[in-house]
Amino acid sequence: MSRKANLIVALAIGALISAVLIVLEPLTGFALLSWEMPGISVAYLFWGMVGGSVFAGLAIAWAVNALIYGLGAFIVLSVLSALVTKPQRS
Protein backbone atom coordinates (compact mmCIF):
# COMPACT_ATOMS: atom_id res chain seq x y z
CA MET A 1 0.00 0.00 0.00
CA SER A 2 1.12 3.53 -0.62
CA ARG A 3 1.68 6.08 2.12
CA LYS A 4 -1.44 7.96 1.05
CA ALA A 5 -3.57 4.82 1.36
CA ASN A 6 -1.97 4.05 4.74
CA LEU A 7 -2.77 7.56 5.91
CA ILE A 8 -6.40 7.37 4.83
CA VAL A 9 -6.90 3.96 6.46
CA ALA A 10 -5.13 5.11 9.64
CA LEU A 11 -7.30 8.23 9.93
CA ALA A 12 -10.42 6.12 9.45
CA ILE A 13 -9.24 3.73 12.17
CA GLY A 14 -8.48 6.66 14.48
CA ALA A 15 -11.91 8.18 13.87
CA LEU A 16 -13.59 4.86 14.58
CA ILE A 17 -11.66 4.31 17.82
CA SER A 18 -12.43 7.86 18.96
CA ALA A 19 -16.13 7.47 18.18
CA VAL A 20 -16.32 4.15 20.05
CA LEU A 21 -14.61 5.66 23.11
CA ILE A 22 -16.99 8.65 23.16
CA VAL A 23 -20.03 6.38 22.86
CA LEU A 24 -18.79 4.00 25.58
CA GLU A 25 -17.99 6.71 28.15
CA PRO A 26 -21.48 7.13 29.66
CA LEU A 27 -22.12 3.40 29.46
CA THR A 28 -18.98 2.50 31.44
CA GLY A 29 -19.35 5.23 34.06
CA PHE A 30 -16.43 7.18 32.55
CA ALA A 31 -14.01 4.34 33.33
CA LEU A 32 -12.23 4.81 29.99
CA LEU A 33 -11.70 8.55 30.39
CA SER A 34 -7.92 8.16 30.66
CA TRP A 35 -7.88 6.78 27.10
CA GLU A 36 -9.45 10.03 25.90
CA MET A 37 -7.14 12.41 27.76
CA PRO A 38 -5.51 14.13 24.76
CA GLY A 39 -8.87 15.11 23.30
CA ILE A 40 -10.50 15.85 26.63
CA SER A 41 -7.59 18.10 27.64
CA VAL A 42 -7.88 20.09 24.42
CA ALA A 43 -11.65 20.37 24.88
CA TYR A 44 -11.22 21.73 28.44
CA LEU A 45 -8.67 24.21 27.13
CA PHE A 46 -11.13 25.28 24.42
CA TRP A 47 -13.98 25.69 26.91
CA GLY A 48 -11.75 27.70 29.24
CA MET A 49 -10.53 30.04 26.50
CA VAL A 50 -13.70 30.79 24.58
CA GLY A 51 -16.51 29.30 26.64
CA GLY A 52 -17.78 27.39 23.62
CA SER A 53 -20.63 24.97 23.48
CA VAL A 54 -20.47 21.41 24.72
CA PHE A 55 -21.04 20.13 21.18
CA ALA A 56 -18.02 22.07 19.89
CA GLY A 57 -15.88 20.74 22.74
CA LEU A 58 -17.04 17.19 22.05
CA ALA A 59 -16.25 17.60 18.35
CA ILE A 60 -12.77 18.92 19.19
CA ALA A 61 -12.16 16.04 21.61
CA TRP A 62 -13.25 13.54 18.96
CA ALA A 63 -11.04 15.11 16.28
CA VAL A 64 -7.95 15.26 18.49
CA ASN A 65 -8.40 11.68 19.64
CA ALA A 66 -8.94 10.58 16.03
CA LEU A 67 -5.63 12.21 15.06
CA ILE A 68 -3.76 10.71 18.02
CA TYR A 69 -5.08 7.17 17.46
CA GLY A 70 -4.73 7.63 13.69
CA LEU A 71 -1.05 8.44 14.13
CA GLY A 72 -0.54 5.21 16.04
CA ALA A 73 -2.42 3.26 13.39
CA PHE A 74 -0.37 4.94 10.64
CA ILE A 75 2.87 3.87 12.29
CA VAL A 76 1.66 0.29 12.63
CA LEU A 77 0.40 0.20 9.03
CA SER A 78 3.65 1.67 7.71
CA VAL A 79 5.73 -0.91 9.55
CA LEU A 80 3.51 -3.75 8.37
CA SER A 81 3.57 -2.43 4.82
CA ALA A 82 7.36 -2.22 4.89
CA LEU A 83 7.60 -5.79 6.18
CA VAL A 84 5.19 -7.20 3.62
CA THR A 85 6.55 -5.51 0.49
CA LYS A 86 9.53 -7.29 -0.94
CA PRO A 87 12.17 -5.48 -2.93
CA GLN A 88 11.99 -6.33 -6.61
CA ARG A 89 15.07 -7.65 -8.33
CA SER A 90 16.12 -6.29 -11.68
PDB file of N, CA and C in Angstrom:
ATOM      1  N   MET A   1       0.844  -1.187   0.000  1.00  0.00           N
ATOM      2  CA  MET A   1       0.000   0.000   0.000  1.00  0.00           C
ATOM      3  C   MET A   1       0.881   1.239   0.000  1.00  0.00           C
ATOM      4  N   SER A   2       0.368   2.287  -0.593  1.00  0.00           N
ATOM      5  CA  SER A   2       1.118   3.533  -0.623  1.00  0.00           C
ATOM      6  C   SER A   2       0.954   4.284   0.697  1.00  0.00           C
ATOM      7  N   ARG A   3       1.772   5.276   0.886  1.00  0.00           N
ATOM      8  CA  ARG A   3       1.680   6.080   2.118  1.00  0.00           C
ATOM      9  C   ARG A   3       0.342   6.798   2.204  1.00  0.00           C
ATOM     10  N   LYS A   4      -0.154   7.260   1.059  1.00  0.00           N
ATOM     11  CA  LYS A   4      -1.442   7.962   1.049  1.00  0.00           C
ATOM     12  C   LYS A   4      -2.570   7.023   1.478  1.00  0.00           C
ATOM     13  N   ALA A   5      -2.547   5.803   0.974  1.00  0.00           N
ATOM     14  CA  ALA A   5      -3.565   4.819   1.358  1.00  0.00           C
ATOM     15  C   ALA A   5      -3.432   4.474   2.835  1.00  0.00           C
ATOM     16  N   ASN A   6      -2.188   4.321   3.311  1.00  0.00           N
ATOM     17  CA  ASN A   6      -1.970   4.047   4.736  1.00  0.00           C
ATOM     18  C   ASN A   6      -2.508   5.178   5.592  1.00  0.00           C
ATOM     19  N   LEU A   7      -2.287   6.413   5.158  1.00  0.00           N
ATOM     20  CA  LEU A   7      -2.767   7.565   5.915  1.00  0.00           C
ATOM     21  C   LEU A   7      -4.285   7.609   5.974  1.00  0.00           C
ATOM     22  N   ILE A   8      -4.937   7.351   4.867  1.00  0.00           N
ATOM     23  CA  ILE A   8      -6.405   7.373   4.833  1.00  0.00           C
ATOM     24  C   ILE A   8      -6.988   6.275   5.722  1.00  0.00           C
ATOM     25  N   VAL A   9      -6.423   5.066   5.622  1.00  0.00           N
ATOM     26  CA  VAL A   9      -6.904   3.955   6.456  1.00  0.00           C
ATOM     27  C   VAL A   9      -6.642   4.253   7.929  1.00  0.00           C
ATOM     28  N   ALA A  10      -5.473   4.810   8.236  1.00  0.00           N
ATOM     29  CA  ALA A  10      -5.130   5.115   9.636  1.00  0.00           C
ATOM     30  C   ALA A  10      -6.061   6.177  10.210  1.00  0.00           C
ATOM     31  N   LEU A  11      -6.373   7.209   9.437  1.00  0.00           N
ATOM     32  CA  LEU A  11      -7.304   8.233   9.929  1.00  0.00           C
ATOM     33  C   LEU A  11      -8.701   7.662  10.134  1.00  0.00           C
ATOM     34  N   ALA A  12      -9.118   6.764   9.266  1.00  0.00           N
ATOM     35  CA  ALA A  12     -10.425   6.116   9.449  1.00  0.00           C
ATOM     36  C   ALA A  12     -10.433   5.260  10.712  1.00  0.00           C
ATOM     37  N   ILE A  13      -9.347   4.536  10.948  1.00  0.00           N
ATOM     38  CA  ILE A  13      -9.237   3.726  12.169  1.00  0.00           C
ATOM     39  C   ILE A  13      -9.252   4.625  13.399  1.00  0.00           C
ATOM     40  N   GLY A  14      -8.506   5.723  13.360  1.00  0.00           N
ATOM     41  CA  GLY A  14      -8.480   6.655  14.483  1.00  0.00           C
ATOM     42  C   GLY A  14      -9.841   7.259  14.759  1.00  0.00           C
ATOM     43  N   ALA A  15     -10.566   7.623  13.703  1.00  0.00           N
ATOM     44  CA  ALA A  15     -11.908   8.184  13.874  1.00  0.00           C
ATOM     45  C   ALA A  15     -12.860   7.152  14.474  1.00  0.00           C
ATOM     46  N   LEU A  16     -12.738   5.914  14.043  1.00  0.00           N
ATOM     47  CA  LEU A  16     -13.594   4.856  14.582  1.00  0.00           C
ATOM     48  C   LEU A  16     -13.297   4.591  16.054  1.00  0.00           C
ATOM     49  N   ILE A  17     -12.023   4.521  16.414  1.00  0.00           N
ATOM     50  CA  ILE A  17     -11.655   4.307  17.817  1.00  0.00           C
ATOM     51  C   ILE A  17     -12.156   5.465  18.679  1.00  0.00           C
ATOM     52  N   SER A  18     -11.979   6.687  18.201  1.00  0.00           N
ATOM     53  CA  SER A  18     -12.425   7.856  18.955  1.00  0.00           C
ATOM     54  C   SER A  18     -13.937   7.857  19.138  1.00  0.00           C
ATOM     55  N   ALA A  19     -14.665   7.511  18.086  1.00  0.00           N
ATOM     56  CA  ALA A  19     -16.126   7.471  18.177  1.00  0.00           C
ATOM     57  C   ALA A  19     -16.589   6.399  19.166  1.00  0.00           C
ATOM     58  N   VAL A  20     -15.947   5.237  19.127  1.00  0.00           N
ATOM     59  CA  VAL A  20     -16.317   4.153  20.046  1.00  0.00           C
ATOM     60  C   VAL A  20     -16.061   4.579  21.492  1.00  0.00           C
ATOM     61  N   LEU A  21     -14.918   5.220  21.739  1.00  0.00           N
ATOM     62  CA  LEU A  21     -14.610   5.662  23.106  1.00  0.00           C
ATOM     63  C   LEU A  21     -15.621   6.698  23.599  1.00  0.00           C
ATOM     64  N   ILE A  22     -16.017   7.626  22.744  1.00  0.00           N
ATOM     65  CA  ILE A  22     -16.985   8.648  23.157  1.00  0.00           C
ATOM     66  C   ILE A  22     -18.345   8.020  23.445  1.00  0.00           C
ATOM     67  N   VAL A  23     -18.732   7.033  22.639  1.00  0.00           N
ATOM     68  CA  VAL A  23     -20.026   6.377  22.861  1.00  0.00           C
ATOM     69  C   VAL A  23     -20.004   5.537  24.137  1.00  0.00           C
ATOM     70  N   LEU A  24     -18.869   4.891  24.424  1.00  0.00           N
ATOM     71  CA  LEU A  24     -18.787   4.001  25.584  1.00  0.00           C
ATOM     72  C   LEU A  24     -18.650   4.732  26.914  1.00  0.00           C
ATOM     73  N   GLU A  25     -18.239   5.993  26.895  1.00  0.00           N
ATOM     74  CA  GLU A  25     -17.994   6.714  28.153  1.00  0.00           C
ATOM     75  C   GLU A  25     -19.187   6.703  29.109  1.00  0.00           C
ATOM     76  N   PRO A  26     -20.356   7.148  28.703  1.00  0.00           N
ATOM     77  CA  PRO A  26     -21.479   7.135  29.658  1.00  0.00           C
ATOM     78  C   PRO A  26     -21.899   5.722  30.067  1.00  0.00           C
ATOM     79  N   LEU A  27     -21.693   4.773  29.174  1.00  0.00           N
ATOM     80  CA  LEU A  27     -22.116   3.400  29.464  1.00  0.00           C
ATOM     81  C   LEU A  27     -21.202   2.709  30.464  1.00  0.00           C
ATOM     82  N   THR A  28     -19.939   3.129  30.528  1.00  0.00           N
ATOM     83  CA  THR A  28     -18.978   2.502  31.444  1.00  0.00           C
ATOM     84  C   THR A  28     -18.754   3.339  32.698  1.00  0.00           C
ATOM     85  N   GLY A  29     -19.529   4.379  32.883  1.00  0.00           N
ATOM     86  CA  GLY A  29     -19.353   5.227  34.055  1.00  0.00           C
ATOM     87  C   GLY A  29     -18.047   6.010  33.999  1.00  0.00           C
ATOM     88  N   PHE A  30     -17.651   6.383  32.793  1.00  0.00           N
ATOM     89  CA  PHE A  30     -16.433   7.176  32.549  1.00  0.00           C
ATOM     90  C   PHE A  30     -15.171   6.451  33.020  1.00  0.00           C
ATOM     91  N   ALA A  31     -15.173   5.121  32.944  1.00  0.00           N
ATOM     92  CA  ALA A  31     -14.009   4.337  33.334  1.00  0.00           C
ATOM     93  C   ALA A  31     -12.887   4.420  32.298  1.00  0.00           C
ATOM     94  N   LEU A  32     -13.224   4.744  31.055  1.00  0.00           N
ATOM     95  CA  LEU A  32     -12.231   4.808  29.985  1.00  0.00           C
ATOM     96  C   LEU A  32     -11.755   6.235  29.714  1.00  0.00           C
ATOM     97  N   LEU A  33     -12.015   7.141  30.619  1.00  0.00           N
ATOM     98  CA  LEU A  33     -11.699   8.548  30.385  1.00  0.00           C
ATOM     99  C   LEU A  33     -10.206   8.773  30.195  1.00  0.00           C
ATOM    100  N   SER A  34      -9.370   7.976  30.819  1.00  0.00           N
ATOM    101  CA  SER A  34      -7.924   8.157  30.662  1.00  0.00           C
ATOM    102  C   SER A  34      -7.480   7.874  29.230  1.00  0.00           C
ATOM    103  N   TRP A  35      -8.219   7.062  28.488  1.00  0.00           N
ATOM    104  CA  TRP A  35      -7.879   6.783  27.099  1.00  0.00           C
ATOM    105  C   TRP A  35      -8.203   7.971  26.207  1.00  0.00           C
ATOM    106  N   GLU A  36      -9.048   8.870  26.694  1.00  0.00           N
ATOM    107  CA  GLU A  36      -9.454  10.029  25.902  1.00  0.00           C
ATOM    108  C   GLU A  36      -8.758  11.307  26.343  1.00  0.00           C
ATOM    109  N   MET A  37      -7.745  11.213  27.169  1.00  0.00           N
ATOM    110  CA  MET A  37      -7.143  12.412  27.756  1.00  0.00           C
ATOM    111  C   MET A  37      -6.609  13.432  26.755  1.00  0.00           C
ATOM    112  N   PRO A  38      -5.967  13.059  25.658  1.00  0.00           N
ATOM    113  CA  PRO A  38      -5.512  14.134  24.755  1.00  0.00           C
ATOM    114  C   PRO A  38      -6.666  14.992  24.257  1.00  0.00           C
ATOM    115  N   GLY A  39      -7.724  14.364  23.817  1.00  0.00           N
ATOM    116  CA  GLY A  39      -8.871  15.108  23.302  1.00  0.00           C
ATOM    117  C   GLY A  39      -9.628  15.849  24.385  1.00  0.00           C
ATOM    118  N   ILE A  40      -9.791  15.217  25.532  1.00  0.00           N
ATOM    119  CA  ILE A  40     -10.505  15.854  26.634  1.00  0.00           C
ATOM    120  C   ILE A  40      -9.727  17.071  27.125  1.00  0.00           C
ATOM    121  N   SER A  41      -8.409  16.964  27.197  1.00  0.00           N
ATOM    122  CA  SER A  41      -7.588  18.099  27.637  1.00  0.00           C
ATOM    123  C   SER A  41      -7.726  19.277  26.688  1.00  0.00           C
ATOM    124  N   VAL A  42      -7.719  19.009  25.393  1.00  0.00           N
ATOM    125  CA  VAL A  42      -7.883  20.091  24.419  1.00  0.00           C
ATOM    126  C   VAL A  42      -9.284  20.689  24.518  1.00  0.00           C
ATOM    127  N   ALA A  43     -10.280  19.863  24.748  1.00  0.00           N
ATOM    128  CA  ALA A  43     -11.649  20.375  24.880  1.00  0.00           C
ATOM    129  C   ALA A  43     -11.780  21.275  26.108  1.00  0.00           C
ATOM    130  N   TYR A  44     -11.184  20.879  27.242  1.00  0.00           N
ATOM    131  CA  TYR A  44     -11.220  21.725  28.436  1.00  0.00           C
ATOM    132  C   TYR A  44     -10.511  23.044  28.183  1.00  0.00           C
ATOM    133  N   LEU A  45      -9.390  22.995  27.474  1.00  0.00           N
ATOM    134  CA  LEU A  45      -8.670  24.211  27.128  1.00  0.00           C
ATOM    135  C   LEU A  45      -9.545  25.114  26.250  1.00  0.00           C
ATOM    136  N   PHE A  46     -10.227  24.532  25.291  1.00  0.00           N
ATOM    137  CA  PHE A  46     -11.134  25.278  24.420  1.00  0.00           C
ATOM    138  C   PHE A  46     -12.258  25.921  25.227  1.00  0.00           C
ATOM    139  N   TRP A  47     -12.882  25.143  26.110  1.00  0.00           N
ATOM    140  CA  TRP A  47     -13.976  25.686  26.910  1.00  0.00           C
ATOM    141  C   TRP A  47     -13.484  26.818  27.804  1.00  0.00           C
ATOM    142  N   GLY A  48     -12.292  26.672  28.366  1.00  0.00           N
ATOM    143  CA  GLY A  48     -11.752  27.704  29.240  1.00  0.00           C
ATOM    144  C   GLY A  48     -11.413  28.984  28.496  1.00  0.00           C
ATOM    145  N   MET A  49     -10.935  28.855  27.263  1.00  0.00           N
ATOM    146  CA  MET A  49     -10.526  30.036  26.502  1.00  0.00           C
ATOM    147  C   MET A  49     -11.708  30.802  25.923  1.00  0.00           C
ATOM    148  N   VAL A  50     -12.627  30.099  25.290  1.00  0.00           N
ATOM    149  CA  VAL A  50     -13.699  30.794  24.583  1.00  0.00           C
ATOM    150  C   VAL A  50     -15.092  30.518  25.143  1.00  0.00           C
ATOM    151  N   GLY A  51     -15.198  29.606  26.067  1.00  0.00           N
ATOM    152  CA  GLY A  51     -16.508  29.303  26.641  1.00  0.00           C
ATOM    153  C   GLY A  51     -17.470  28.761  25.604  1.00  0.00           C
ATOM    154  N   GLY A  52     -16.965  27.932  24.703  1.00  0.00           N
ATOM    155  CA  GLY A  52     -17.780  27.395  23.618  1.00  0.00           C
ATOM    156  C   GLY A  52     -18.807  26.398  24.101  1.00  0.00           C
ATOM    157  N   SER A  53     -19.563  25.912  23.147  1.00  0.00           N
ATOM    158  CA  SER A  53     -20.631  24.967  23.477  1.00  0.00           C
ATOM    159  C   SER A  53     -20.060  23.580  23.781  1.00  0.00           C
ATOM    160  N   VAL A  54     -20.870  22.778  24.411  1.00  0.00           N
ATOM    161  CA  VAL A  54     -20.472  21.411  24.724  1.00  0.00           C
ATOM    162  C   VAL A  54     -20.291  20.617  23.433  1.00  0.00           C
ATOM    163  N   PHE A  55     -21.143  20.841  22.454  1.00  0.00           N
ATOM    164  CA  PHE A  55     -21.040  20.130  21.183  1.00  0.00           C
ATOM    165  C   PHE A  55     -19.716  20.436  20.490  1.00  0.00           C
ATOM    166  N   ALA A  56     -19.307  21.701  20.508  1.00  0.00           N
ATOM    167  CA  ALA A  56     -18.025  22.065  19.894  1.00  0.00           C
ATOM    168  C   ALA A  56     -16.866  21.413  20.646  1.00  0.00           C
ATOM    169  N   GLY A  57     -16.924  21.391  21.955  1.00  0.00           N
ATOM    170  CA  GLY A  57     -15.883  20.736  22.739  1.00  0.00           C
ATOM    171  C   GLY A  57     -15.830  19.245  22.478  1.00  0.00           C
ATOM    172  N   LEU A  58     -16.988  18.615  22.349  1.00  0.00           N
ATOM    173  CA  LEU A  58     -17.045  17.190  22.050  1.00  0.00           C
ATOM    174  C   LEU A  58     -16.474  16.914  20.666  1.00  0.00           C
ATOM    175  N   ALA A  59     -16.785  17.766  19.695  1.00  0.00           N
ATOM    176  CA  ALA A  59     -16.248  17.599  18.347  1.00  0.00           C
ATOM    177  C   ALA A  59     -14.730  17.764  18.343  1.00  0.00           C
ATOM    178  N   ILE A  60     -14.215  18.718  19.101  1.00  0.00           N
ATOM    179  CA  ILE A  60     -12.774  18.918  19.191  1.00  0.00           C
ATOM    180  C   ILE A  60     -12.119  17.717  19.856  1.00  0.00           C
ATOM    181  N   ALA A  61     -12.704  17.220  20.928  1.00  0.00           N
ATOM    182  CA  ALA A  61     -12.159  16.044  21.615  1.00  0.00           C
ATOM    183  C   ALA A  61     -12.131  14.839  20.675  1.00  0.00           C
ATOM    184  N   TRP A  62     -13.199  14.650  19.904  1.00  0.00           N
ATOM    185  CA  TRP A  62     -13.254  13.542  18.962  1.00  0.00           C
ATOM    186  C   TRP A  62     -12.184  13.686  17.893  1.00  0.00           C
ATOM    187  N   ALA A  63     -12.020  14.880  17.346  1.00  0.00           N
ATOM    188  CA  ALA A  63     -11.042  15.105  16.277  1.00  0.00           C
ATOM    189  C   ALA A  63      -9.610  14.899  16.777  1.00  0.00           C
ATOM    190  N   VAL A  64      -9.309  15.418  17.956  1.00  0.00           N
ATOM    191  CA  VAL A  64      -7.947  15.260  18.494  1.00  0.00           C
ATOM    192  C   VAL A  64      -7.658  13.793  18.782  1.00  0.00           C
ATOM    193  N   ASN A  65      -8.600  13.108  19.372  1.00  0.00           N
ATOM    194  CA  ASN A  65      -8.395  11.675  19.640  1.00  0.00           C
ATOM    195  C   ASN A  65      -8.276  10.884  18.343  1.00  0.00           C
ATOM    196  N   ALA A  66      -9.040  11.260  17.326  1.00  0.00           N
ATOM    197  CA  ALA A  66      -8.937  10.584  16.032  1.00  0.00           C
ATOM    198  C   ALA A  66      -7.541  10.772  15.446  1.00  0.00           C
ATOM    199  N   LEU A  67      -6.982  11.972  15.567  1.00  0.00           N
ATOM    200  CA  LEU A  67      -5.630  12.211  15.059  1.00  0.00           C
ATOM    201  C   LEU A  67      -4.585  11.437  15.857  1.00  0.00           C
ATOM    202  N   ILE A  68      -4.727  11.414  17.179  1.00  0.00           N
ATOM    203  CA  ILE A  68      -3.760  10.708  18.020  1.00  0.00           C
ATOM    204  C   ILE A  68      -3.787   9.204  17.726  1.00  0.00           C
ATOM    205  N   TYR A  69      -4.977   8.607  17.734  1.00  0.00           N
ATOM    206  CA  TYR A  69      -5.076   7.173  17.465  1.00  0.00           C
ATOM    207  C   TYR A  69      -4.768   6.869  15.997  1.00  0.00           C
ATOM    208  N   GLY A  70      -5.078   7.806  15.099  1.00  0.00           N
ATOM    209  CA  GLY A  70      -4.730   7.633  13.690  1.00  0.00           C
ATOM    210  C   GLY A  70      -3.229   7.621  13.474  1.00  0.00           C
ATOM    211  N   LEU A  71      -2.503   8.440  14.230  1.00  0.00           N
ATOM    212  CA  LEU A  71      -1.048   8.444  14.127  1.00  0.00           C
ATOM    213  C   LEU A  71      -0.475   7.087  14.533  1.00  0.00           C
ATOM    214  N   GLY A  72      -0.981   6.540  15.620  1.00  0.00           N
ATOM    215  CA  GLY A  72      -0.537   5.210  16.044  1.00  0.00           C
ATOM    216  C   GLY A  72      -0.850   4.154  14.997  1.00  0.00           C
ATOM    217  N   ALA A  73      -2.046   4.220  14.429  1.00  0.00           N
ATOM    218  CA  ALA A  73      -2.425   3.256  13.393  1.00  0.00           C
ATOM    219  C   ALA A  73      -1.565   3.435  12.148  1.00  0.00           C
ATOM    220  N   PHE A  74      -1.218   4.675  11.813  1.00  0.00           N
ATOM    221  CA  PHE A  74      -0.369   4.941  10.645  1.00  0.00           C
ATOM    222  C   PHE A  74       1.013   4.326  10.832  1.00  0.00           C
ATOM    223  N   ILE A  75       1.557   4.459  12.016  1.00  0.00           N
ATOM    224  CA  ILE A  75       2.875   3.872  12.293  1.00  0.00           C
ATOM    225  C   ILE A  75       2.820   2.356  12.159  1.00  0.00           C
ATOM    226  N   VAL A  76       1.796   1.752  12.718  1.00  0.00           N
ATOM    227  CA  VAL A  76       1.662   0.290  12.631  1.00  0.00           C
ATOM    228  C   VAL A  76       1.480  -0.142  11.179  1.00  0.00           C
ATOM    229  N   LEU A  77       0.621   0.555  10.431  1.00  0.00           N
ATOM    230  CA  LEU A  77       0.398   0.197   9.030  1.00  0.00           C
ATOM    231  C   LEU A  77       1.653   0.388   8.193  1.00  0.00           C
ATOM    232  N   SER A  78       2.410   1.433   8.467  1.00  0.00           N
ATOM    233  CA  SER A  78       3.646   1.670   7.715  1.00  0.00           C
ATOM    234  C   SER A  78       4.670   0.570   7.969  1.00  0.00           C
ATOM    235  N   VAL A  79       4.796   0.167   9.221  1.00  0.00           N
ATOM    236  CA  VAL A  79       5.733  -0.908   9.549  1.00  0.00           C
ATOM    237  C   VAL A  79       5.288  -2.219   8.901  1.00  0.00           C
ATOM    238  N   LEU A  80       4.005  -2.529   8.991  1.00  0.00           N
ATOM    239  CA  LEU A  80       3.506  -3.755   8.369  1.00  0.00           C
ATOM    240  C   LEU A  80       3.664  -3.715   6.859  1.00  0.00           C
ATOM    241  N   SER A  81       3.418  -2.577   6.268  1.00  0.00           N
ATOM    242  CA  SER A  81       3.569  -2.428   4.824  1.00  0.00           C
ATOM    243  C   SER A  81       5.024  -2.612   4.408  1.00  0.00           C
ATOM    244  N   ALA A  82       5.941  -2.065   5.200  1.00  0.00           N
ATOM    245  CA  ALA A  82       7.365  -2.222   4.889  1.00  0.00           C
ATOM    246  C   ALA A  82       7.809  -3.671   5.042  1.00  0.00           C
ATOM    247  N   LEU A  83       7.240  -4.393   5.989  1.00  0.00           N
ATOM    248  CA  LEU A  83       7.600  -5.791   6.182  1.00  0.00           C
ATOM    249  C   LEU A  83       7.031  -6.698   5.094  1.00  0.00           C
ATOM    250  N   VAL A  84       5.861  -6.347   4.598  1.00  0.00           N
ATOM    251  CA  VAL A  84       5.192  -7.197   3.617  1.00  0.00           C
ATOM    252  C   VAL A  84       5.759  -6.989   2.219  1.00  0.00           C
ATOM    253  N   THR A  85       6.052  -5.760   1.846  1.00  0.00           N
ATOM    254  CA  THR A  85       6.550  -5.513   0.493  1.00  0.00           C
ATOM    255  C   THR A  85       7.981  -6.021   0.361  1.00  0.00           C
ATOM    256  N   LYS A  86       8.207  -6.739  -0.678  1.00  0.00           N
ATOM    257  CA  LYS A  86       9.528  -7.294  -0.939  1.00  0.00           C
ATOM    258  C   LYS A  86      10.215  -6.460  -2.009  1.00  0.00           C
ATOM    259  N   PRO A  87      11.487  -6.218  -1.869  1.00  0.00           N
ATOM    260  CA  PRO A  87      12.172  -5.481  -2.932  1.00  0.00           C
ATOM    261  C   PRO A  87      12.223  -6.302  -4.214  1.00  0.00           C
ATOM    262  N   GLN A  88      11.986  -5.637  -5.337  1.00  0.00           N
ATOM    263  CA  GLN A  88      11.993  -6.326  -6.613  1.00  0.00           C
ATOM    264  C   GLN A  88      13.408  -6.368  -7.170  1.00  0.00           C
ATOM    265  N   ARG A  89      13.741  -7.496  -7.734  1.00  0.00           N
ATOM    266  CA  ARG A  89      15.068  -7.652  -8.333  1.00  0.00           C
ATOM    267  C   ARG A  89      15.004  -7.278  -9.799  1.00  0.00           C
ATOM    268  N   SER A  90      16.068  -6.691 -10.268  1.00  0.00           N
ATOM    269  CA  SER A  90      16.117  -6.288 -11.679  1.00  0.00           C
ATOM    270  C   SER A  90      16.612  -7.401 -12.556  1.00  0.00           C
TER     271      SER A  90
END
